[in-house]
Amino acid sequence: MSEQEIILRLKKIVEPYVQRLEGLNNFREETDFLRDLEINSANLVDVVLDVEDEFDIMIDNDSMDGMLTVGDAKDIIQNKIG
């Protein structure tokens, strides 16, 4: 699976939780889930659960704590799907 495909799937996953549409319009690896998209911490847990379902992976707590940007999430997904 390509990096671009992962990013596009991530964008689709986070879209329902985004409070700041400008951040969604500029969605890229540097996009910060909390700052740029204004996804609250409770919804960030939902994003992680949705990512697990979408990519059929399990994300441990340490990985979840490090998932601050789209790029972080992409790297975690790539490592998990091998």
N, C-alpha and C. Protein backbone atom coordinates (compact mmCIF):
# COMPACT_ATOMS: atom_id res chain seq x y z
N MET A 1 0.85 -1.18 0.00
CA MET A 1 0.00 0.00 0.00
C MET A 1 0.90 1.24 0.00
N SER A 2 0.61 2.18 -0.88
CA SER A 2 1.44 3.38 -0.99
C SER A 2 1.18 4.36 0.15
N GLU A 3 2.17 5.23 0.39
CA GLU A 3 2.01 6.26 1.41
C GLU A 3 0.82 7.16 1.10
N GLN A 4 0.65 7.50 -0.16
CA GLN A 4 -0.45 8.37 -0.57
C GLN A 4 -1.80 7.72 -0.31
N GLU A 5 -1.90 6.42 -0.56
CA GLU A 5 -3.15 5.71 -0.30
C GLU A 5 -3.48 5.71 1.19
N ILE A 6 -2.46 5.50 2.03
CA ILE A 6 -2.67 5.53 3.47
C ILE A 6 -3.16 6.90 3.90
N ILE A 7 -2.54 7.96 3.38
CA ILE A 7 -2.92 9.33 3.74
C ILE A 7 -4.36 9.62 3.30
N LEU A 8 -4.73 9.19 2.11
CA LEU A 8 -6.09 9.41 1.63
C LEU A 8 -7.12 8.67 2.50
N ARG A 9 -6.78 7.45 2.91
CA ARG A 9 -7.68 6.70 3.78
C ARG A 9 -7.77 7.35 5.16
N LEU A 10 -6.64 7.88 5.65
CA LEU A 10 -6.65 8.59 6.93
C LEU A 10 -7.54 9.82 6.88
N LYS A 11 -7.46 10.54 5.77
CA LYS A 11 -8.28 11.75 5.62
C LYS A 11 -9.76 11.40 5.71
N LYS A 12 -10.14 10.31 5.06
CA LYS A 12 -11.54 9.87 5.09
C LYS A 12 -11.96 9.48 6.51
N ILE A 13 -11.04 8.85 7.26
CA ILE A 13 -11.33 8.43 8.63
C ILE A 13 -11.54 9.64 9.54
N VAL A 14 -10.66 10.64 9.45
CA VAL A 14 -10.72 11.76 10.39
C VAL A 14 -11.79 12.79 10.04
N GLU A 15 -12.24 12.81 8.81
CA GLU A 15 -13.17 13.84 8.34
C GLU A 15 -14.37 14.07 9.27
N PRO A 16 -15.05 13.01 9.76
CA PRO A 16 -16.22 13.26 10.63
C PRO A 16 -15.88 13.95 11.96
N TYR A 17 -14.62 13.90 12.37
CA TYR A 17 -14.22 14.43 13.68
C TYR A 17 -13.59 15.82 13.60
N VAL A 18 -13.34 16.30 12.40
CA VAL A 18 -12.63 17.57 12.20
C VAL A 18 -13.52 18.76 12.56
N GLN A 19 -12.97 19.67 13.34
CA GLN A 19 -13.67 20.90 13.70
C GLN A 19 -13.18 22.10 12.88
N ARG A 20 -12.02 21.95 12.26
CA ARG A 20 -11.42 23.06 11.50
C ARG A 20 -11.22 22.59 10.06
N LEU A 21 -12.14 22.99 9.19
CA LEU A 21 -12.13 22.52 7.81
C LEU A 21 -10.92 22.98 7.03
N GLU A 22 -10.36 24.13 7.38
CA GLU A 22 -9.15 24.61 6.70
C GLU A 22 -8.03 23.58 6.84
N GLY A 23 -7.93 22.98 8.02
CA GLY A 23 -6.92 21.94 8.24
C GLY A 23 -7.17 20.72 7.37
N LEU A 24 -8.42 20.38 7.18
CA LEU A 24 -8.76 19.24 6.33
C LEU A 24 -8.43 19.54 4.87
N ASN A 25 -8.66 20.77 4.45
CA ASN A 25 -8.35 21.16 3.07
C ASN A 25 -6.85 21.14 2.79
N ASN A 26 -6.03 21.33 3.84
CA ASN A 26 -4.57 21.32 3.70
C ASN A 26 -3.97 20.05 4.29
N PHE A 27 -4.70 18.95 4.22
CA PHE A 27 -4.33 17.68 4.84
C PHE A 27 -3.05 17.14 4.22
N ARG A 28 -2.00 16.99 5.03
CA ARG A 28 -0.73 16.45 4.58
C ARG A 28 -0.01 15.84 5.78
N GLU A 29 1.18 15.30 5.57
CA GLU A 29 1.89 14.60 6.64
C GLU A 29 2.12 15.48 7.87
N GLU A 30 2.33 16.77 7.67
CA GLU A 30 2.62 17.67 8.78
C GLU A 30 1.38 18.09 9.56
N THR A 31 0.21 17.74 9.06
CA THR A 31 -1.04 18.14 9.72
C THR A 31 -1.13 17.53 11.11
N ASP A 32 -1.35 18.40 12.11
CA ASP A 32 -1.47 17.99 13.51
C ASP A 32 -2.95 17.76 13.81
N PHE A 33 -3.27 16.59 14.36
CA PHE A 33 -4.66 16.24 14.63
C PHE A 33 -5.32 17.23 15.60
N LEU A 34 -4.62 17.61 16.64
CA LEU A 34 -5.20 18.49 17.66
C LEU A 34 -5.17 19.95 17.23
N ARG A 35 -4.03 20.42 16.78
CA ARG A 35 -3.87 21.84 16.46
C ARG A 35 -4.51 22.23 15.12
N ASP A 36 -4.19 21.49 14.06
CA ASP A 36 -4.64 21.88 12.72
C ASP A 36 -6.07 21.45 12.41
N LEU A 37 -6.47 20.30 12.93
CA LEU A 37 -7.81 19.78 12.65
C LEU A 37 -8.78 20.02 13.80
N GLU A 38 -8.22 20.37 14.97
CA GLU A 38 -9.01 20.61 16.18
C GLU A 38 -9.89 19.41 16.54
N ILE A 39 -9.31 18.22 16.41
CA ILE A 39 -9.98 17.00 16.86
C ILE A 39 -9.73 16.92 18.36
N ASN A 40 -10.79 16.81 19.16
CA ASN A 40 -10.57 16.75 20.61
C ASN A 40 -10.02 15.38 21.01
N SER A 41 -9.46 15.31 22.21
CA SER A 41 -8.76 14.09 22.64
C SER A 41 -9.69 12.89 22.70
N ALA A 42 -10.94 13.08 23.08
CA ALA A 42 -11.89 11.96 23.11
C ALA A 42 -12.12 11.43 21.70
N ASN A 43 -12.28 12.31 20.74
CA ASN A 43 -12.49 11.87 19.37
C ASN A 43 -11.22 11.28 18.76
N LEU A 44 -10.06 11.67 19.28
CA LEU A 44 -8.82 11.09 18.79
C LEU A 44 -8.77 9.59 19.09
N VAL A 45 -9.34 9.20 20.21
CA VAL A 45 -9.45 7.77 20.53
C VAL A 45 -10.34 7.08 19.49
N ASP A 46 -11.43 7.73 19.10
CA ASP A 46 -12.29 7.18 18.05
C ASP A 46 -11.54 7.04 16.74
N VAL A 47 -10.71 8.03 16.42
CA VAL A 47 -9.89 7.97 15.20
C VAL A 47 -8.99 6.74 15.24
N VAL A 48 -8.34 6.51 16.38
CA VAL A 48 -7.44 5.36 16.52
C VAL A 48 -8.23 4.06 16.32
N LEU A 49 -9.41 3.96 16.92
CA LEU A 49 -10.24 2.76 16.75
C LEU A 49 -10.64 2.56 15.29
N ASP A 50 -10.98 3.66 14.62
CA ASP A 50 -11.36 3.59 13.21
C ASP A 50 -10.17 3.18 12.34
N VAL A 51 -8.98 3.68 12.69
CA VAL A 51 -7.76 3.29 11.96
C VAL A 51 -7.51 1.80 12.13
N GLU A 52 -7.67 1.32 13.35
CA GLU A 52 -7.48 -0.12 13.60
C GLU A 52 -8.43 -0.94 12.73
N ASP A 53 -9.69 -0.53 12.66
CA ASP A 53 -10.67 -1.25 11.85
C ASP A 53 -10.35 -1.17 10.36
N GLU A 54 -10.03 0.03 9.89
CA GLU A 54 -9.78 0.26 8.47
C GLU A 54 -8.59 -0.54 7.95
N PHE A 55 -7.52 -0.59 8.76
CA PHE A 55 -6.28 -1.23 8.31
C PHE A 55 -6.07 -2.61 8.93
N ASP A 56 -7.03 -3.07 9.73
CA ASP A 56 -6.96 -4.38 10.38
C ASP A 56 -5.65 -4.54 11.16
N ILE A 57 -5.39 -3.57 12.04
CA ILE A 57 -4.20 -3.56 12.88
C ILE A 57 -4.59 -3.27 14.32
N MET A 58 -3.65 -3.47 15.23
CA MET A 58 -3.83 -3.08 16.63
C MET A 58 -2.79 -2.02 16.95
N ILE A 59 -3.22 -0.91 17.55
CA ILE A 59 -2.32 0.17 17.91
C ILE A 59 -2.19 0.19 19.43
N ASP A 60 -0.97 -0.06 19.91
CA ASP A 60 -0.74 -0.09 21.36
C ASP A 60 -0.72 1.34 21.92
N ASN A 61 -0.77 1.44 23.24
CA ASN A 61 -0.84 2.76 23.89
C ASN A 61 0.35 3.64 23.57
N ASP A 62 1.56 3.07 23.52
CA ASP A 62 2.74 3.87 23.20
C ASP A 62 2.64 4.46 21.79
N SER A 63 2.19 3.65 20.85
CA SER A 63 2.02 4.15 19.48
C SER A 63 0.93 5.20 19.42
N MET A 64 -0.15 4.96 20.16
CA MET A 64 -1.26 5.92 20.17
C MET A 64 -0.80 7.27 20.71
N ASP A 65 0.02 7.25 21.77
CA ASP A 65 0.53 8.49 22.35
C ASP A 65 1.41 9.25 21.37
N GLY A 66 2.06 8.54 20.45
CA GLY A 66 2.93 9.17 19.49
C GLY A 66 2.26 9.56 18.19
N MET A 67 0.96 9.36 18.11
CA MET A 67 0.22 9.64 16.88
C MET A 67 -0.35 11.05 16.92
N LEU A 68 0.51 12.03 16.71
CA LEU A 68 0.11 13.43 16.81
C LEU A 68 -0.17 14.07 15.45
N THR A 69 0.49 13.57 14.42
CA THR A 69 0.32 14.14 13.08
C THR A 69 -0.10 13.05 12.10
N VAL A 70 -0.50 13.48 10.92
CA VAL A 70 -0.84 12.53 9.86
C VAL A 70 0.37 11.66 9.52
N GLY A 71 1.54 12.27 9.48
CA GLY A 71 2.76 11.52 9.20
C GLY A 71 3.05 10.47 10.25
N ASP A 72 2.84 10.83 11.53
CA ASP A 72 3.02 9.85 12.61
C ASP A 72 2.09 8.66 12.40
N ALA A 73 0.82 8.95 12.11
CA ALA A 73 -0.16 7.89 11.90
C ALA A 73 0.23 7.03 10.71
N LYS A 74 0.67 7.65 9.63
CA LYS A 74 1.08 6.91 8.42
C LYS A 74 2.23 5.97 8.75
N ASP A 75 3.23 6.47 9.50
CA ASP A 75 4.38 5.64 9.86
C ASP A 75 3.97 4.46 10.73
N ILE A 76 3.10 4.70 11.69
CA ILE A 76 2.62 3.62 12.57
C ILE A 76 1.88 2.57 11.74
N ILE A 77 1.01 3.03 10.85
CA ILE A 77 0.25 2.09 10.00
C ILE A 77 1.20 1.28 9.14
N GLN A 78 2.17 1.94 8.51
CA GLN A 78 3.12 1.23 7.65
C GLN A 78 3.88 0.17 8.44
N ASN A 79 4.31 0.51 9.66
CA ASN A 79 5.03 -0.45 10.48
C ASN A 79 4.15 -1.64 10.86
N LYS A 80 2.88 -1.39 11.13
CA LYS A 80 1.97 -2.45 11.56
C LYS A 80 1.56 -3.38 10.41
N ILE A 81 1.39 -2.81 9.21
CA ILE A 81 0.97 -3.66 8.09
C ILE A 81 2.16 -4.29 7.38
N GLY A 82 3.38 -3.81 7.75
CA GLY A 82 4.62 -4.42 7.29
C GLY A 82 4.83 -4.33 5.82
